[in-house]
Every structure is written in C-alpha cells, then in structure tokens.
N, C-alpha and C. Protein backbone atom coordinates (compact mmCIF):
# COMPACT_ATOMS: atom_id res chain seq x y z
N UNK A 1 79.38 149.55 40.68
CA UNK A 1 79.16 148.20 40.75
C UNK A 1 79.66 147.83 42.21
N UNK A 2 78.86 146.98 42.89
CA UNK A 2 79.17 146.70 44.29
C UNK A 2 79.78 145.31 44.06
N UNK A 3 80.77 145.05 45.05
CA UNK A 3 81.42 143.91 45.21
C UNK A 3 81.34 143.51 46.57
N UNK A 4 81.19 142.03 46.88
CA UNK A 4 81.44 141.57 48.35
C UNK A 4 82.57 140.48 48.28
N UNK A 5 83.31 140.56 49.44
CA UNK A 5 84.27 139.68 49.60
C UNK A 5 84.10 139.13 50.97
N UNK A 6 84.55 137.80 51.19
CA UNK A 6 84.73 137.10 52.58
C UNK A 6 85.94 136.70 52.92
N UNK A 7 86.37 137.00 53.97
CA UNK A 7 87.58 136.61 54.68
C UNK A 7 87.57 135.92 55.81
N UNK A 8 88.13 134.90 55.90
CA UNK A 8 88.21 134.10 57.03
C UNK A 8 89.68 133.85 57.58
N UNK A 9 89.79 133.86 58.93
CA UNK A 9 90.96 133.57 59.82
C UNK A 9 90.46 132.80 60.91
N UNK A 10 91.14 131.62 61.18
CA UNK A 10 91.00 130.76 62.38
C UNK A 10 92.16 131.06 63.22
N UNK A 11 91.83 130.77 64.64
CA UNK A 11 92.82 130.89 65.49
C UNK A 11 92.53 129.92 66.69
N UNK A 12 93.41 129.37 67.12
CA UNK A 12 93.38 128.30 68.20
C UNK A 12 94.39 128.46 69.23
N UNK A 13 94.01 127.81 70.49
CA UNK A 13 94.88 127.84 71.49
C UNK A 13 96.02 126.76 71.27
N UNK A 14 97.29 127.27 71.50
CA UNK A 14 98.33 126.31 71.51
C UNK A 14 98.77 125.92 72.88
N UNK A 15 98.76 126.96 73.70
CA UNK A 15 99.13 126.45 75.24
C UNK A 15 98.65 127.81 75.90
N UNK A 16 98.82 127.84 77.34
CA UNK A 16 98.37 128.77 78.08
C UNK A 16 98.84 130.23 77.53
N UNK A 17 97.77 131.12 77.18
CA UNK A 17 98.04 132.37 76.72
C UNK A 17 98.65 132.60 75.44
N UNK A 18 98.86 131.43 74.58
CA UNK A 18 99.41 131.45 73.35
C UNK A 18 98.58 130.88 72.23
N UNK A 19 98.64 131.09 71.08
CA UNK A 19 97.88 130.47 69.93
C UNK A 19 98.63 130.57 68.65
N UNK A 20 97.63 130.02 67.59
CA UNK A 20 98.23 130.08 66.32
C UNK A 20 96.94 130.73 65.46
N UNK A 21 97.26 131.27 64.46
CA UNK A 21 96.28 131.90 63.70
C UNK A 21 96.55 131.53 62.15
N UNK A 22 95.73 131.29 61.36
CA UNK A 22 95.87 130.80 60.09
C UNK A 22 94.80 131.19 59.09
N UNK A 23 94.90 131.29 57.71
CA UNK A 23 93.97 131.43 56.79
C UNK A 23 94.33 130.74 55.62
N UNK A 24 93.41 130.33 54.82
CA UNK A 24 93.65 129.70 53.66
C UNK A 24 94.72 130.11 52.54
N UNK A 25 94.78 131.39 52.52
CA UNK A 25 95.63 131.93 51.53
C UNK A 25 96.86 132.15 51.96
N UNK A 26 97.42 131.74 53.24
CA UNK A 26 98.74 132.19 53.65
C UNK A 26 99.60 130.73 53.82
N UNK A 27 100.70 130.66 53.58
CA UNK A 27 101.40 129.43 53.60
C UNK A 27 101.73 129.01 54.93
N UNK A 28 101.67 129.71 56.10
CA UNK A 28 102.00 129.34 57.34
C UNK A 28 101.13 129.99 58.16
N UNK A 29 100.92 129.43 59.58
CA UNK A 29 100.33 129.92 60.82
C UNK A 29 101.13 130.99 61.43
N UNK A 30 100.50 131.98 62.10
CA UNK A 30 101.19 132.90 62.86
C UNK A 30 101.04 132.68 64.23
N UNK A 31 102.23 132.51 64.92
CA UNK A 31 101.94 132.19 66.34
C UNK A 31 101.98 133.58 67.16
N UNK A 32 100.98 133.68 68.24
CA UNK A 32 100.58 134.75 68.91
C UNK A 32 100.60 134.69 70.34
N UNK A 33 100.56 135.58 71.13
CA UNK A 33 100.58 135.47 72.51
C UNK A 33 100.05 136.72 73.20
N UNK A 34 99.55 136.61 74.54
CA UNK A 34 99.45 137.85 75.09
C UNK A 34 100.85 138.41 75.48
N UNK A 35 100.69 139.80 75.73
CA UNK A 35 101.90 140.55 75.95
C UNK A 35 102.56 139.87 77.36
N UNK A 36 103.96 139.68 77.37
CA UNK A 36 104.54 139.14 78.63
C UNK A 36 104.00 139.94 79.86
N UNK A 37 103.60 141.20 79.78
CA UNK A 37 103.22 141.90 81.10
C UNK A 37 101.75 141.24 81.43
N UNK A 38 101.06 140.56 80.54
CA UNK A 38 99.78 139.94 80.79
C UNK A 38 99.85 138.30 80.97
N UNK A 39 101.03 137.93 81.17
CA UNK A 39 101.34 136.50 81.32
C UNK A 39 101.48 135.79 80.08
N UNK A 40 101.83 136.38 79.01
CA UNK A 40 101.98 135.91 77.80
C UNK A 40 103.43 135.50 77.38
N UNK A 41 103.81 134.86 76.17
CA UNK A 41 104.92 134.41 75.86
C UNK A 41 105.75 135.42 75.37
N UNK A 42 107.07 135.31 75.13
CA UNK A 42 108.06 136.34 74.65
C UNK A 42 108.30 136.13 73.20
N UNK A 43 108.71 137.00 72.50
CA UNK A 43 109.05 137.11 71.08
C UNK A 43 107.95 136.49 70.13
N UNK A 44 106.78 136.99 70.38
CA UNK A 44 105.63 136.43 69.51
C UNK A 44 104.76 137.67 69.46
N UNK A 45 104.12 137.73 68.20
CA UNK A 45 103.07 138.65 67.93
C UNK A 45 101.97 138.67 68.86
N UNK A 46 101.50 139.81 69.29
CA UNK A 46 100.17 140.01 70.11
C UNK A 46 98.85 140.39 69.49
N UNK A 47 97.87 140.00 69.87
CA UNK A 47 96.42 140.34 69.03
C UNK A 47 96.67 142.06 68.74
N UNK A 48 97.08 142.63 69.70
CA UNK A 48 97.09 144.13 69.58
C UNK A 48 98.13 144.54 68.38
N UNK A 49 99.29 143.78 68.47
CA UNK A 49 100.19 144.24 67.48
C UNK A 49 99.78 143.70 66.06
N UNK A 50 98.90 142.53 66.00
CA UNK A 50 98.33 142.12 64.70
C UNK A 50 97.22 143.16 64.12
N UNK A 51 96.68 143.76 65.01
CA UNK A 51 95.60 144.65 64.58
C UNK A 51 96.19 145.90 64.08
N UNK A 52 97.31 146.27 64.80
CA UNK A 52 98.21 147.55 64.04
C UNK A 52 98.98 147.12 62.90
N UNK A 53 99.24 145.96 62.66
CA UNK A 53 99.82 145.50 61.47
C UNK A 53 98.68 145.40 60.21
N UNK A 54 97.39 145.16 60.62
CA UNK A 54 96.56 145.13 59.62
C UNK A 54 96.15 146.69 59.26
N UNK A 55 96.37 147.48 59.98
CA UNK A 55 96.11 148.86 59.78
C UNK A 55 97.18 149.35 58.87
N UNK A 56 98.71 149.00 59.29
CA UNK A 56 99.61 149.54 58.51
C UNK A 56 99.82 148.91 57.07
N UNK A 57 99.41 147.64 56.92
CA UNK A 57 99.45 146.86 55.74
C UNK A 57 98.37 147.44 54.90
N UNK A 58 97.16 147.51 55.31
CA UNK A 58 95.98 148.08 54.47
C UNK A 58 96.34 149.33 54.21
N UNK A 59 96.75 150.21 54.74
CA UNK A 59 97.26 151.57 54.40
C UNK A 59 98.12 151.57 53.24
N UNK A 60 99.30 150.55 53.55
CA UNK A 60 100.24 150.58 52.47
C UNK A 60 99.47 150.04 51.18
N UNK A 61 98.75 149.18 51.18
CA UNK A 61 98.17 148.62 49.79
C UNK A 61 97.08 149.60 49.12
N UNK A 62 96.51 150.35 50.11
CA UNK A 62 95.46 151.45 49.89
C UNK A 62 96.13 152.57 49.12
N UNK A 63 97.18 153.02 49.64
CA UNK A 63 98.27 154.13 48.93
C UNK A 63 98.58 153.47 47.63
N UNK A 64 99.22 152.38 47.57
CA UNK A 64 99.58 151.68 46.21
C UNK A 64 98.51 151.94 45.16
N UNK A 65 97.19 151.66 45.59
CA UNK A 65 96.16 151.64 44.58
C UNK A 65 95.91 153.21 44.32
N UNK A 66 95.92 154.03 45.31
CA UNK A 66 95.38 155.37 45.01
C UNK A 66 96.63 156.06 44.13
N UNK A 67 97.84 155.84 44.45
CA UNK A 67 99.08 156.25 43.72
C UNK A 67 98.85 155.84 42.26
N UNK A 68 98.63 154.50 41.96
CA UNK A 68 98.58 153.99 40.79
C UNK A 68 97.47 154.69 39.92
N UNK A 69 96.31 154.87 40.56
CA UNK A 69 95.17 155.59 39.80
C UNK A 69 95.49 157.01 39.49
N UNK A 70 96.34 157.79 40.26
CA UNK A 70 96.60 159.11 39.96
C UNK A 70 97.90 159.22 39.28
N UNK A 71 98.46 158.04 38.81
CA UNK A 71 99.83 157.98 38.08
C UNK A 71 100.82 158.74 38.76
N UNK A 72 100.98 158.65 40.13
CA UNK A 72 101.72 159.13 41.00
C UNK A 72 102.98 158.25 41.16
N UNK A 73 104.20 158.91 40.87
CA UNK A 73 105.28 157.98 41.09
C UNK A 73 106.16 158.42 42.53
N UNK A 74 106.48 157.45 43.18
CA UNK A 74 107.17 157.58 44.41
C UNK A 74 108.26 156.63 44.49
N UNK A 75 109.15 156.83 45.55
CA UNK A 75 110.36 155.93 45.66
C UNK A 75 110.14 154.92 46.69
N UNK A 76 109.37 155.25 47.91
CA UNK A 76 109.36 154.20 48.98
C UNK A 76 108.02 154.81 49.75
N UNK A 77 107.47 153.93 50.63
CA UNK A 77 106.48 154.12 51.55
C UNK A 77 106.59 153.17 52.58
N UNK A 78 106.69 153.91 53.79
CA UNK A 78 106.88 153.03 54.94
C UNK A 78 105.87 153.45 55.86
N UNK A 79 105.23 152.75 56.47
CA UNK A 79 103.95 153.02 57.54
C UNK A 79 104.28 152.42 58.85
N UNK A 80 104.44 153.31 59.87
CA UNK A 80 104.43 153.07 61.33
C UNK A 80 103.13 153.24 62.01
N UNK A 81 102.72 152.33 62.69
CA UNK A 81 101.30 152.56 63.46
C UNK A 81 101.78 152.05 64.93
N UNK A 82 101.24 153.13 65.63
CA UNK A 82 101.42 153.08 67.11
C UNK A 82 100.15 153.17 67.96
N UNK A 83 99.90 152.68 68.95
CA UNK A 83 98.90 152.75 69.82
C UNK A 83 99.08 152.53 71.31
N UNK A 84 98.41 153.46 72.18
CA UNK A 84 98.43 153.45 73.44
C UNK A 84 97.37 152.48 74.00
N UNK A 85 97.63 151.57 74.87
CA UNK A 85 96.72 150.78 75.33
C UNK A 85 96.80 150.79 76.77
N UNK A 86 95.48 151.09 77.52
CA UNK A 86 95.53 151.38 78.87
C UNK A 86 94.58 150.27 79.52
N UNK A 87 95.02 149.83 80.72
CA UNK A 87 94.23 148.79 81.35
C UNK A 87 93.50 149.36 82.47
N UNK A 88 92.15 148.85 82.76
CA UNK A 88 91.48 149.41 84.02
C UNK A 88 90.61 148.15 84.47
N UNK A 89 89.66 148.53 85.32
CA UNK A 89 88.96 147.47 85.84
C UNK A 89 88.17 146.70 84.77
N UNK A 90 87.77 147.40 83.82
CA UNK A 90 86.94 146.84 82.74
C UNK A 90 87.73 145.94 81.79
N UNK A 91 89.02 146.21 81.48
CA UNK A 91 90.08 145.52 80.64
C UNK A 91 90.79 146.46 79.93
N UNK A 92 91.33 145.94 78.86
CA UNK A 92 92.36 146.87 78.06
C UNK A 92 91.58 147.57 76.95
N UNK A 93 91.98 148.86 76.67
CA UNK A 93 91.38 149.51 75.74
C UNK A 93 92.54 150.45 75.00
N UNK A 94 92.25 150.46 73.72
CA UNK A 94 93.08 151.46 72.92
C UNK A 94 92.77 152.88 73.22
N UNK A 95 93.48 153.85 73.61
CA UNK A 95 93.14 155.17 73.72
C UNK A 95 93.16 155.98 72.34
N UNK A 96 94.13 155.79 71.57
CA UNK A 96 94.32 156.26 70.26
C UNK A 96 95.10 155.28 69.44
N UNK A 97 95.14 155.57 68.20
CA UNK A 97 95.92 154.97 67.23
C UNK A 97 96.61 156.22 66.41
N UNK A 98 98.01 156.18 66.21
CA UNK A 98 98.69 156.97 65.38
C UNK A 98 99.17 156.49 64.03
N UNK A 99 98.88 157.01 62.93
CA UNK A 99 99.46 156.17 61.75
C UNK A 99 100.50 157.15 61.10
N UNK A 100 101.74 156.74 60.87
CA UNK A 100 102.92 157.57 60.53
C UNK A 100 103.28 157.07 59.13
N UNK A 101 102.70 157.57 58.22
CA UNK A 101 103.37 157.10 56.84
C UNK A 101 104.38 158.06 56.53
N UNK A 102 105.49 157.39 55.91
CA UNK A 102 106.67 158.23 55.57
C UNK A 102 106.82 157.95 54.09
N UNK A 103 106.59 159.01 53.15
CA UNK A 103 106.73 158.82 51.88
C UNK A 103 107.78 159.32 51.23
N UNK A 104 108.60 158.64 50.54
CA UNK A 104 110.03 159.10 49.60
C UNK A 104 109.57 159.40 48.28
N UNK A 105 109.87 160.59 47.90
CA UNK A 105 109.79 161.05 46.39
C UNK A 105 110.98 161.22 45.77
N UNK A 106 110.94 161.38 44.47
CA UNK A 106 112.08 161.75 43.75
C UNK A 106 112.41 163.35 43.68
N UNK A 107 111.38 164.12 44.03
CA UNK A 107 111.48 165.61 44.10
C UNK A 107 110.73 166.26 44.90
N UNK A 108 110.93 167.44 45.33
CA UNK A 108 110.22 168.24 46.06
C UNK A 108 108.87 168.78 45.54
N UNK A 109 108.88 168.72 44.18
CA UNK A 109 107.75 169.25 43.39
C UNK A 109 106.30 168.51 43.55
N UNK A 110 106.60 167.32 44.00
CA UNK A 110 105.43 166.35 44.33
C UNK A 110 105.05 166.45 45.72
N UNK A 111 105.62 166.95 46.70
CA UNK A 111 105.32 167.18 48.11
C UNK A 111 103.84 167.17 48.45
N UNK A 112 103.14 168.26 47.89
CA UNK A 112 101.73 168.64 48.15
C UNK A 112 100.93 167.38 47.56
N UNK A 113 101.13 166.91 46.38
CA UNK A 113 100.44 165.78 45.85
C UNK A 113 100.63 164.59 46.64
N UNK A 114 101.75 164.29 47.18
CA UNK A 114 101.88 163.20 48.07
C UNK A 114 101.11 163.27 49.16
N UNK A 115 101.10 164.40 49.87
CA UNK A 115 100.29 164.61 51.09
C UNK A 115 98.92 164.29 50.90
N UNK A 116 98.37 164.86 49.81
CA UNK A 116 96.90 164.65 49.29
C UNK A 116 96.79 163.16 49.16
N UNK A 117 97.73 162.42 48.63
CA UNK A 117 97.35 161.11 48.38
C UNK A 117 97.49 160.21 49.73
N UNK A 118 98.33 160.60 50.62
CA UNK A 118 98.36 159.96 51.98
C UNK A 118 97.17 160.06 52.65
N UNK A 119 96.48 161.37 52.82
CA UNK A 119 95.29 161.72 53.25
C UNK A 119 94.13 161.02 52.63
N UNK A 120 94.05 160.91 51.43
CA UNK A 120 93.05 160.05 50.56
C UNK A 120 93.23 158.45 50.91
N UNK A 121 94.34 158.01 51.23
CA UNK A 121 94.60 156.62 51.44
C UNK A 121 94.02 156.36 52.93
N UNK A 122 94.31 157.33 53.90
CA UNK A 122 93.53 157.13 55.14
C UNK A 122 92.33 157.18 55.08
N UNK A 123 91.76 158.11 54.26
CA UNK A 123 90.14 158.15 54.37
C UNK A 123 89.58 157.05 53.73
N UNK A 124 90.27 156.32 52.76
CA UNK A 124 89.39 155.12 52.24
C UNK A 124 90.02 153.66 52.75
N UNK A 125 90.97 153.68 53.58
CA UNK A 125 91.60 152.31 53.91
C UNK A 125 90.49 151.50 54.55
N UNK A 126 89.91 150.44 54.26
CA UNK A 126 88.70 149.70 54.71
C UNK A 126 89.26 149.34 56.36
N UNK A 127 90.36 149.03 56.65
CA UNK A 127 90.70 148.49 57.86
C UNK A 127 90.61 149.77 58.91
N UNK A 128 91.18 150.81 58.84
CA UNK A 128 91.37 151.96 59.61
C UNK A 128 89.64 152.48 59.68
N UNK A 129 89.12 152.56 58.70
CA UNK A 129 87.68 153.31 58.41
C UNK A 129 86.66 152.56 59.58
N UNK A 130 86.90 151.15 59.72
CA UNK A 130 86.14 150.38 60.47
C UNK A 130 86.55 150.17 61.86
N UNK A 131 87.47 150.93 62.33
CA UNK A 131 87.95 150.71 63.80
C UNK A 131 87.59 152.12 64.59
N UNK A 132 86.81 151.99 65.74
CA UNK A 132 86.04 153.12 66.21
C UNK A 132 87.20 153.54 67.40
N UNK A 133 88.38 153.87 67.14
CA UNK A 133 89.37 154.29 68.02
C UNK A 133 89.73 155.42 67.33
N UNK A 134 89.86 156.75 68.18
CA UNK A 134 90.34 157.78 67.52
C UNK A 134 91.96 157.57 66.92
N UNK A 135 91.90 158.08 65.57
CA UNK A 135 93.03 157.86 64.94
C UNK A 135 93.54 159.15 64.43
N UNK A 136 94.92 159.38 64.39
CA UNK A 136 95.69 160.46 64.11
C UNK A 136 96.63 160.03 62.95
N UNK A 137 96.53 160.91 61.82
CA UNK A 137 97.60 160.72 60.73
C UNK A 137 98.60 161.74 60.80
N UNK A 138 99.86 161.28 60.86
CA UNK A 138 100.83 162.12 60.99
C UNK A 138 101.87 161.75 59.71
N UNK A 139 101.46 162.37 58.56
CA UNK A 139 102.25 162.01 57.25
C UNK A 139 103.60 162.70 57.24
N UNK A 140 104.47 162.08 56.60
CA UNK A 140 105.82 162.78 56.24
C UNK A 140 106.05 162.56 55.09
N UNK A 141 106.71 163.62 54.34
CA UNK A 141 107.01 163.54 52.83
C UNK A 141 108.48 164.00 52.81
N UNK A 142 109.37 163.24 52.13
CA UNK A 142 110.77 163.63 51.82
C UNK A 142 111.24 163.32 50.63
N UNK A 143 112.43 163.78 50.34
CA UNK A 143 113.00 163.31 48.83
C UNK A 143 114.32 162.55 49.20
N UNK A 144 114.40 161.75 48.14
CA UNK A 144 115.71 160.81 48.03
C UNK A 144 115.39 159.51 48.62
N UNK A 145 116.35 158.72 48.54
CA UNK A 145 116.05 157.30 49.16
C UNK A 145 116.99 157.18 50.33
N UNK A 146 116.39 157.35 51.52
CA UNK A 146 117.26 157.13 52.74
C UNK A 146 116.94 155.98 53.52
N UNK A 147 117.98 155.59 54.41
CA UNK A 147 117.65 154.47 55.30
C UNK A 147 116.29 154.72 56.34
N UNK A 148 115.71 153.69 56.54
CA UNK A 148 114.56 153.66 57.33
C UNK A 148 114.97 153.98 58.85
N UNK A 149 114.31 155.27 59.26
CA UNK A 149 114.62 155.40 60.68
C UNK A 149 113.98 154.43 61.70
N UNK A 150 112.89 153.84 61.31
CA UNK A 150 112.29 152.82 62.27
C UNK A 150 113.38 151.55 62.43
N UNK A 151 113.74 151.21 61.39
CA UNK A 151 114.73 150.09 61.35
C UNK A 151 116.31 150.30 62.00
N UNK A 152 116.67 151.67 61.61
CA UNK A 152 118.04 152.04 62.10
C UNK A 152 117.87 153.18 62.87
N UNK A 153 117.44 153.05 63.98
CA UNK A 153 117.30 154.19 64.90
C UNK A 153 118.61 154.89 65.16
N UNK A 154 119.59 154.37 65.21
CA UNK A 154 120.96 154.86 65.61
C UNK A 154 121.33 156.11 64.58
N UNK A 155 120.94 155.81 63.34
CA UNK A 155 121.19 156.83 62.43
C UNK A 155 120.32 158.07 62.51
N UNK A 156 121.13 159.17 61.93
CA UNK A 156 120.27 160.40 62.23
C UNK A 156 119.13 160.38 61.27
N UNK A 157 118.05 161.06 61.89
CA UNK A 157 116.79 161.21 61.08
C UNK A 157 116.99 162.11 60.03
N UNK A 158 116.29 161.59 58.79
CA UNK A 158 116.34 162.57 57.51
C UNK A 158 115.58 163.80 57.63
N UNK A 159 115.96 164.86 56.85
CA UNK A 159 115.09 166.07 56.94
C UNK A 159 113.63 165.64 56.44
N UNK A 160 112.71 165.98 57.16
CA UNK A 160 111.35 165.67 56.91
C UNK A 160 110.34 166.82 56.70
N UNK A 161 109.49 166.80 55.97
CA UNK A 161 108.57 167.84 55.81
C UNK A 161 107.16 167.22 55.90
N UNK A 162 106.53 168.06 56.71
CA UNK A 162 104.84 167.57 57.02
C UNK A 162 103.84 168.52 56.31
C-alpha cells in the first residue's frame, strides 16, 4: 500500500546572516545562522547542523521502528553524525557524512542482531537515503547502561565492539 506525505517548513530572515525556521507541528521556531566563520551569529544552529540533525533523528526513529518490528530489545541508542564541509570557489560542499550509532544492549548475545538492525535502519532511513553525499556507517554495539561519551568526553570511553 503506497502512502504519500507532505512536509512543509518555512524559514525567514531575522537579521543579516540569521533566520528562523518553523513548521506547523512544532511549538516553537528554530533560530539559525551561518557559521561564525562565514559571518554568522554565535550559539545558533546552522543549516549544516540542521541537516545532520535530520539524519541523526531520522536514523533514530527508523531504528526504533525496525527494532519494534523485529521484537528486538535494547537499552539505549545514541546517534552521532559528523560531516566534513570544504569551501572552494564554487561554494561549500559536504565531502562525506559519517553516521555513528551507538547501541547499548542488555547482553552480548544480541550483538550480531543489533548490528544487523543498525545496518537495516541505515538502508531504509528516508533522509539519509535521499542525500547524495557519500555516507559511512560506523556502528558500535556495547552492553550495559553507560554514560554517553558524546556528552561526557572527559570520562573514559566504554569497551566497544564493532
């Protein structure tokens, strides 16, 4: 059964090199700016970061659907997305996007199934599937509930298996 969905976002200029984005289903607007290196504002989302956020959030929700369908239980999923952007005479381009999902499981017996589901989520994620930039998936699977290395970089990294 085919389904069709329409999504709409509006963005408008707030001041030089800054703006606001909003959609009807969200309670508030998102302020954005060009990077400070490109004469943008400080401490605001950039369009490049919003694109990476779209990939990370789509991957996360896609994995949730894949895991639910497979009746796969997990403790946590954290997705970090990173991209290199280079600037030349033509403008700025993404050279590659790296998607780093970190899946936390209750036991090591589910590692292979977890990796398989992470790869499946990447294959069917509608946002990343529709971006024509080379993408690298670097999945990590671990056991236990450990603090996030992304938010607590000063802490030692947990033992990871890929």
